[in-house]
Protein backbone atom coordinates (compact mmCIF):
# COMPACT_ATOMS: atom_id res chain seq x y z
CA ALA A 1 -15.66 -30.50 10.24
CA VAL A 2 -12.27 -32.11 10.18
CA PRO A 3 -11.19 -33.91 13.37
CA SER A 4 -8.18 -32.43 15.14
CA SER A 5 -6.30 -35.66 14.56
CA ILE A 6 -5.63 -34.74 10.95
CA ALA A 7 -3.67 -31.66 11.94
CA HIS A 8 -0.01 -32.07 11.06
CA ARG A 9 3.06 -30.39 12.39
CA THR A 10 3.88 -28.37 9.30
CA HIS A 11 0.61 -28.56 7.35
CA VAL A 12 -3.02 -29.15 8.15
CA GLN A 13 -5.82 -30.48 5.96
CA LEU A 14 -9.04 -28.53 5.73
CA TYR A 15 -12.33 -30.06 4.63
CA VAL A 16 -13.87 -27.70 2.12
CA PRO A 17 -17.57 -28.32 1.31
CA ALA A 18 -18.74 -28.32 -2.27
CA HIS A 19 -20.58 -24.99 -1.97
CA TYR A 20 -17.29 -23.37 -0.94
CA LEU A 21 -15.51 -24.67 -4.02
CA THR A 22 -18.23 -23.55 -6.41
CA MET A 23 -18.48 -20.02 -5.02
CA ASP A 24 -16.51 -17.10 -6.40
CA THR A 25 -12.97 -17.56 -5.10
CA SER A 26 -11.59 -14.17 -6.08
CA GLY A 27 -11.60 -12.97 -2.50
CA ARG A 28 -10.31 -16.18 -0.97
CA THR A 29 -6.84 -16.91 0.27
CA ASP A 30 -4.31 -18.42 -2.14
CA SER A 31 -3.52 -21.13 0.41
CA TYR A 32 -6.70 -22.91 -0.63
CA SER A 33 -6.05 -22.87 -4.37
CA GLU A 34 -4.33 -26.28 -4.55
CA ALA A 35 -6.84 -29.01 -3.65
CA THR A 36 -6.35 -32.76 -3.68
CA ALA A 37 -8.80 -35.62 -3.96
CA VAL A 38 -10.70 -36.64 -0.83
CA PRO A 39 -9.08 -39.69 0.80
CA GLU A 40 -11.01 -42.94 1.12
CA THR A 41 -10.83 -42.79 4.92
CA MET A 42 -9.98 -40.08 7.43
CA GLU A 43 -6.85 -40.53 9.54
CA ASP A 44 -8.93 -41.11 12.68
CA GLY A 45 -10.95 -43.81 10.94
CA THR A 46 -14.17 -41.80 10.62
CA ALA A 47 -16.28 -41.55 7.48
CA PRO A 48 -14.75 -39.37 4.77
CA PRO A 49 -16.40 -36.04 3.89
CA HIS A 50 -17.44 -37.25 0.44
CA ALA A 51 -19.75 -39.79 2.07
CA THR A 52 -22.30 -36.98 2.32
CA ASP A 53 -20.69 -34.44 0.02
CA PRO A 54 -19.13 -36.08 -3.08
CA ALA A 55 -17.76 -32.79 -4.38
CA ALA A 56 -15.92 -31.98 -1.15
CA GLN A 57 -12.16 -31.64 -1.20
CA ILE A 58 -9.30 -31.61 1.27
CA VAL A 59 -6.83 -28.75 0.96
CA SER A 60 -3.44 -28.45 2.63
CA VAL A 61 -2.52 -25.27 4.49
CA PRO A 62 0.72 -24.41 6.37
CA ALA A 63 -0.01 -24.77 10.09
CA GLY A 64 1.75 -21.50 10.90
CA ASN A 65 -0.76 -19.59 8.79
CA ARG A 66 -3.68 -20.11 11.15
CA ARG A 67 -3.84 -16.51 12.36
CA LYS A 68 -3.22 -15.13 8.89
CA GLU A 69 -5.94 -17.30 7.36
CA ALA A 70 -8.37 -16.38 10.16
CA GLN A 71 -7.72 -12.68 9.51
CA LYS A 72 -8.37 -13.12 5.78
CA ALA A 73 -11.59 -14.96 6.49
CA PHE A 74 -12.72 -12.13 8.75
CA LYS A 75 -11.86 -9.39 6.24
CA SER A 76 -13.70 -11.20 3.45
CA GLY A 77 -16.66 -12.04 5.69
CA ASP A 78 -16.18 -15.74 4.91
CA GLY A 79 -17.79 -17.66 7.78
CA ASP A 80 -17.19 -21.08 6.20
CA LEU A 81 -13.49 -20.45 5.83
CA SER A 82 -13.18 -19.12 9.39
CA LYS A 83 -14.93 -22.20 10.77
CA ALA A 84 -12.74 -24.53 8.74
CA VAL A 85 -9.54 -22.85 9.93
CA HIS A 86 -10.52 -22.91 13.60
CA GLU A 87 -11.80 -26.47 13.60
CA ALA A 88 -8.96 -28.00 11.60
CA ILE A 89 -6.08 -26.49 13.57
CA PRO A 90 -6.29 -27.47 17.23
CA ALA A 91 -3.31 -25.43 18.40
CA GLU A 92 -3.98 -22.35 20.48
CA GLU A 93 -4.54 -19.35 18.24
CA GLU A 94 -1.43 -17.22 17.95
CA HIS A 95 -1.89 -13.49 17.81
CA ASP A 96 0.75 -11.27 16.27
CA ALA A 97 3.00 -9.99 19.07
CA PHE A 98 3.93 -7.06 16.83
CA GLY A 99 0.28 -6.06 16.85
CA GLU A 100 0.75 -4.85 20.43
CA PHE A 101 3.00 -2.06 19.15
CA VAL A 102 1.02 -1.08 16.06
CA LYS A 103 -0.88 1.69 17.84
CA VAL A 104 2.33 3.17 19.23
CA MET A 105 4.16 2.85 15.91
CA VAL A 106 1.37 4.44 13.88
CA PHE A 107 0.87 7.20 16.43
CA GLY A 108 4.60 7.92 16.66
CA GLY A 109 5.10 7.79 12.91
CA LEU A 110 2.10 9.96 12.18
CA ASP A 111 3.05 12.51 14.80
CA GLY A 112 6.65 12.53 13.58
CA ILE A 113 5.70 13.18 9.97
CA ILE A 114 3.06 15.79 10.67
CA THR A 115 5.04 17.65 13.34
CA THR A 116 8.19 17.88 11.23
CA PHE A 117 6.30 18.72 8.06
CA ALA A 118 4.37 21.40 9.91
CA VAL A 119 7.70 23.03 10.76
CA VAL A 120 8.84 22.75 7.14
CA ALA A 121 5.54 24.10 5.82
CA SER A 122 5.47 27.06 8.20
CA ILE A 123 9.05 27.99 7.23
CA ALA A 124 8.19 27.65 3.54
CA GLY A 125 5.10 29.82 4.07
CA ALA A 126 7.25 32.46 5.74
CA ASP A 127 9.81 32.21 2.89
CA LEU A 128 12.76 31.71 5.23
CA LYS A 129 16.20 30.32 4.42
CA ILE A 130 16.85 26.63 3.79
CA GLU A 131 19.25 26.61 6.75
CA VAL A 132 16.32 27.53 9.00
CA VAL A 133 14.42 24.48 7.76
CA LEU A 134 17.29 22.16 8.65
CA VAL A 135 18.05 23.71 12.04
CA LEU A 136 14.47 23.89 13.26
CA GLY A 137 13.49 20.65 11.56
CA PHE A 138 16.16 18.50 13.20
CA SER A 139 15.91 20.29 16.53
CA ASN A 140 12.19 19.64 16.60
CA LEU A 141 12.63 16.05 15.39
CA LEU A 142 15.04 15.00 18.13
CA ALA A 143 13.47 16.98 20.96
CA ASP A 144 9.95 15.83 20.16
CA GLY A 145 11.13 12.24 19.65
CA VAL A 146 12.65 12.13 23.15
CA SER A 147 9.62 13.87 24.60
CA MET A 148 7.17 11.47 22.94
CA ALA A 149 9.13 8.41 24.09
CA PHE A 150 9.36 9.69 27.65
CA GLY A 151 5.68 10.64 27.62
CA GLU A 152 4.75 7.16 26.39
CA TYR A 153 6.65 5.58 29.27
CA ILE A 154 5.27 7.94 31.93
CA SER A 155 1.66 7.67 30.77
CA GLY A 156 1.85 3.89 30.48
CA ASP A 157 3.44 3.59 33.91
CA ALA A 158 0.74 5.79 35.45
CA GLU A 159 -1.97 3.71 33.77
CA GLN A 160 -0.50 0.46 35.08
CA LYS A 161 -0.11 1.83 38.61
CA TYR A 162 -3.70 3.02 38.65
CA ALA A 163 -4.93 -0.33 37.31
CA SER A 164 -2.89 -2.13 39.96
CA MET A 165 -4.37 0.04 42.70
CA GLU A 166 -7.92 -0.63 41.48
CA HIS A 167 -7.16 -4.35 41.18
CA SER A 168 -6.01 -4.40 44.83
CA ARG A 169 -9.14 -2.54 45.90
CA GLU A 170 -11.46 -4.93 44.04
CA THR A 171 -9.62 -7.91 45.52
CA TRP A 172 -9.97 -6.47 49.04
CA GLU A 173 -13.68 -5.76 48.53
CA LEU A 174 -14.28 -9.30 47.28
CA GLU A 175 -12.51 -10.75 50.32
CA ASN A 176 -14.45 -8.59 52.77
CA ASP A 177 -17.86 -8.48 51.11
CA PRO A 178 -18.19 -11.28 48.53
CA GLU A 179 -22.01 -11.19 48.59
CA GLY A 180 -22.03 -7.46 47.85
CA GLU A 181 -19.59 -7.79 44.95
CA VAL A 182 -21.57 -10.66 43.48
CA LYS A 183 -24.78 -8.63 43.78
CA GLU A 184 -23.16 -5.66 42.03
CA MET A 185 -22.14 -7.85 39.09
CA VAL A 186 -25.56 -9.53 38.96
CA ASP A 187 -27.22 -6.09 38.78
CA LEU A 188 -24.74 -5.09 36.07
CA TYR A 189 -25.58 -8.15 34.00
CA ILE A 190 -29.30 -7.58 34.46
CA GLY A 191 -28.74 -4.05 33.17
CA LYS A 192 -27.12 -5.56 30.08
CA GLY A 193 -30.26 -7.58 29.36
CA PHE A 194 -29.63 -10.82 31.27
CA ASP A 195 -32.48 -12.62 33.00
CA LYS A 196 -31.98 -12.49 36.80
CA THR A 197 -31.67 -16.25 37.12
CA ASP A 198 -29.14 -16.48 34.30
CA ALA A 199 -27.17 -13.54 35.69
CA GLU A 200 -26.98 -15.12 39.14
CA THR A 201 -25.90 -18.46 37.67
CA VAL A 202 -23.14 -16.91 35.56
CA ILE A 203 -21.79 -14.58 38.25
CA LYS A 204 -21.88 -17.12 41.07
CA THR A 205 -20.00 -19.58 38.89
CA MET A 206 -17.33 -17.03 37.98
CA SER A 207 -16.98 -15.86 41.60
CA LYS A 208 -15.59 -19.29 42.50
CA TYR A 209 -12.43 -18.31 40.62
CA GLU A 210 -11.17 -15.25 42.48
CA ASP A 211 -8.44 -14.01 40.13
CA PHE A 212 -10.63 -14.38 37.08
CA PHE A 213 -13.59 -12.75 38.83
CA VAL A 214 -11.56 -9.73 39.99
CA ASN A 215 -10.20 -9.22 36.47
CA HIS A 216 -13.72 -9.56 35.09
CA MET A 217 -15.03 -6.99 37.57
CA MET A 218 -12.34 -4.55 36.48
CA THR A 219 -13.29 -4.96 32.85
CA GLU A 220 -17.08 -4.88 33.21
CA GLU A 221 -17.52 -2.65 36.25
CA LEU A 222 -14.64 -0.19 35.87
CA GLY A 223 -14.00 -0.44 32.13
CA MET A 224 -10.29 -1.10 32.76
CA MET A 225 -7.90 -3.81 31.66
CA PRO A 226 -6.32 -5.78 34.52
CA PRO A 227 -2.72 -4.82 35.31
CA GLU A 228 0.06 -6.81 33.71
CA PRO A 229 2.54 -8.82 35.82
CA LYS A 230 5.24 -6.56 37.26
CA GLY A 231 8.00 -8.19 35.26
CA ASP A 232 6.13 -7.63 32.01
CA VAL A 233 5.19 -4.03 32.80
CA PHE A 234 8.71 -2.60 32.62
CA LYS A 235 9.54 -4.58 29.49
CA GLY A 236 6.32 -3.50 27.80
CA LEU A 237 6.75 0.16 28.73
CA LEU A 238 10.37 0.15 27.57
CA MET A 239 9.45 -1.44 24.25
CA ASN A 240 6.60 1.01 23.71
CA SER A 241 8.95 3.93 24.37
CA LEU A 242 11.56 2.53 22.00
CA VAL A 243 8.98 1.93 19.28
CA MET A 244 7.60 5.43 19.75
CA PHE A 245 11.05 7.05 19.53
CA THR A 246 12.13 4.99 16.52
CA ALA A 247 8.88 5.53 14.61
CA PHE A 248 8.99 9.26 15.33
CA LEU A 249 12.55 9.60 14.01
CA VAL A 250 12.20 7.28 11.00
CA PHE A 251 9.01 8.85 9.71
CA GLY A 252 9.74 12.34 11.00
CA ILE A 253 12.90 12.69 8.94
CA ILE A 254 11.05 12.10 5.67
CA PRO A 255 9.90 15.74 5.17
CA LEU A 256 13.56 16.82 5.59
CA LEU A 257 15.07 14.38 3.08
CA SER A 258 14.67 16.65 0.06
CA TYR A 259 16.48 19.48 1.90
CA LEU A 260 19.26 17.12 3.02
CA MET A 261 19.83 15.55 -0.38
CA PHE A 262 19.22 18.32 -2.91
CA SER A 263 19.68 21.69 -1.19
CA THR A 264 23.30 22.00 -2.39
CA ILE A 265 22.45 21.32 -6.05
CA ASP A 266 22.51 24.39 -8.27
CA GLY A 267 19.27 25.36 -9.97
CA ILE A 268 16.95 23.91 -7.32
CA SER A 269 14.89 26.58 -5.60
CA PRO A 270 13.37 26.48 -2.10
CA ALA A 271 9.98 26.04 -3.77
CA ASP A 272 11.29 22.94 -5.57
CA LEU A 273 12.60 21.51 -2.32
CA PHE A 274 9.31 22.18 -0.58
CA GLY A 275 7.43 20.53 -3.45
CA MET A 276 9.57 17.40 -3.16
CA SER A 277 9.06 17.42 0.59
CA CYS A 278 5.30 17.57 0.03
CA GLY A 279 5.45 14.58 -2.32
CA LEU A 280 7.61 12.48 0.01
CA THR A 281 5.42 13.34 2.98
CA ALA A 282 2.21 12.50 1.11
CA CYS A 283 3.61 9.11 0.09
CA ALA A 284 4.79 8.37 3.62
CA LEU A 285 1.44 9.33 5.14
CA PHE A 286 -0.46 7.23 2.62
CA GLY A 287 1.87 4.28 3.17
CA LEU A 288 1.56 4.51 6.94
CA GLY A 289 -2.21 4.62 6.72
CA ALA A 290 -2.30 1.74 4.23
CA TYR A 291 -0.10 -0.37 6.50
CA SER A 292 -2.35 0.28 9.50
CA SER A 293 -5.25 -1.22 7.50
CA LYS A 294 -3.65 -4.65 8.04
CA PHE A 295 -4.96 -4.48 11.57
CA SER A 296 -8.47 -3.28 10.73
CA LYS A 297 -11.28 -4.29 8.40
CA TYR A 298 -11.08 -1.10 6.35
CA PRO A 299 -9.45 -1.26 2.87
CA TRP A 300 -5.88 -0.04 2.56
CA TYR A 301 -6.70 2.80 0.17
CA ARG A 302 -9.31 4.24 2.53
CA GLN A 303 -6.95 4.20 5.50
CA GLY A 304 -4.12 5.60 3.40
CA ALA A 305 -6.24 8.44 2.04
CA PHE A 306 -7.62 9.27 5.48
CA VAL A 307 -4.17 9.60 7.05
CA MET A 308 -2.86 11.60 4.08
CA VAL A 309 -5.75 14.06 4.23
CA ASN A 310 -5.20 14.46 7.97
CA GLY A 311 -1.54 15.32 7.40
CA ALA A 312 -2.32 17.64 4.51
CA THR A 313 -4.81 19.56 6.65
CA ALA A 314 -2.26 20.08 9.43
CA ALA A 315 0.41 21.15 6.93
CA ALA A 316 -1.95 23.61 5.26
CA VAL A 317 -2.69 25.23 8.61
CA ALA A 318 1.04 25.48 9.40
CA TYR A 319 1.80 26.98 5.98
CA LEU A 320 -0.92 29.60 6.30
CA VAL A 321 0.17 30.53 9.81
CA GLY A 322 3.78 30.91 8.66
CA TRP A 323 2.72 33.02 5.70
CA GLY A 324 0.40 35.14 7.84
CA VAL A 325 2.96 35.81 10.57
CA ALA A 326 5.67 36.60 8.00
CA SER A 327 3.34 39.05 6.29
CA ALA A 328 2.49 40.76 9.55
CA VAL A 329 6.03 41.25 10.88
CA GLU A 330 9.48 41.85 9.46
CA LEU A 331 11.86 38.87 9.60
CA GLU A 332 15.17 40.56 8.84
CA GLY A 333 18.12 38.31 8.07
CA CYS A 334 16.06 35.12 7.88
CA SER A 335 14.47 35.29 4.45
CA GLU A 336 16.13 34.63 1.17
């Protein structure tokens, strides 16, 4: 492994063993494609890698790519590459702050597309006027967007308040009955397969650090994440609500674009507009699913197809319901 002393401010050097270089590199990151000769001595004065591995090479990688390279190593199942990245770059691993909002963005975008397209599909199934699509579509888009954002804030706030209450209770119990709390955690660890002696050693050591131990009890005993600091809670909830509202509007308007852009053009029928809406919606759903694969180990095409099928199923139900209701009752003045 490369000593931390060879890490540079803008680039780091990774020691790549010979077996790494001779393996199939089709799935490896491009950052490792340009290799240089192994230096005669390491910067910290230790023996160079080629002393035991003549075919080894040193490759230069931008220091800011540590998280990105670690993710690629994980997705490709490359243990050697993961080890090299973590050992060569001593800085604390940076996790993508945007990743905190991915769940909210995907949920809001998916709900926005499907909800709006369900309205469009039900109106198309009932063979109603284009004006009905626009009125109901935008009314639903804005009302649901506000509702989803407000719901995200309220639910997150309730979750944080409940976590804070449980955190206070666990802290109080630890202060008043530390032996009992330690015993509970020891029993929990034994239930997870720990030897009693090992469990007691681990728990008694952790119990010396009260804040850490209380947070650990919440995670292991209650299955809850510890509450965030009060100053961060409001900011996080506000950002989640904003991301939810924005994602809902941006993606939710996509099924309406064909009606907005082409409804006034002569020769284009409602069926044509609905067909274009279907195509735009399918592309958006696939793209949203493919993007979400960046934060999972599943391939982009699988995630994209899964989300698209989910949306298509919901739209099909809405279309059939609209067609069925329209067939069962008279909708005077609304149809073409």
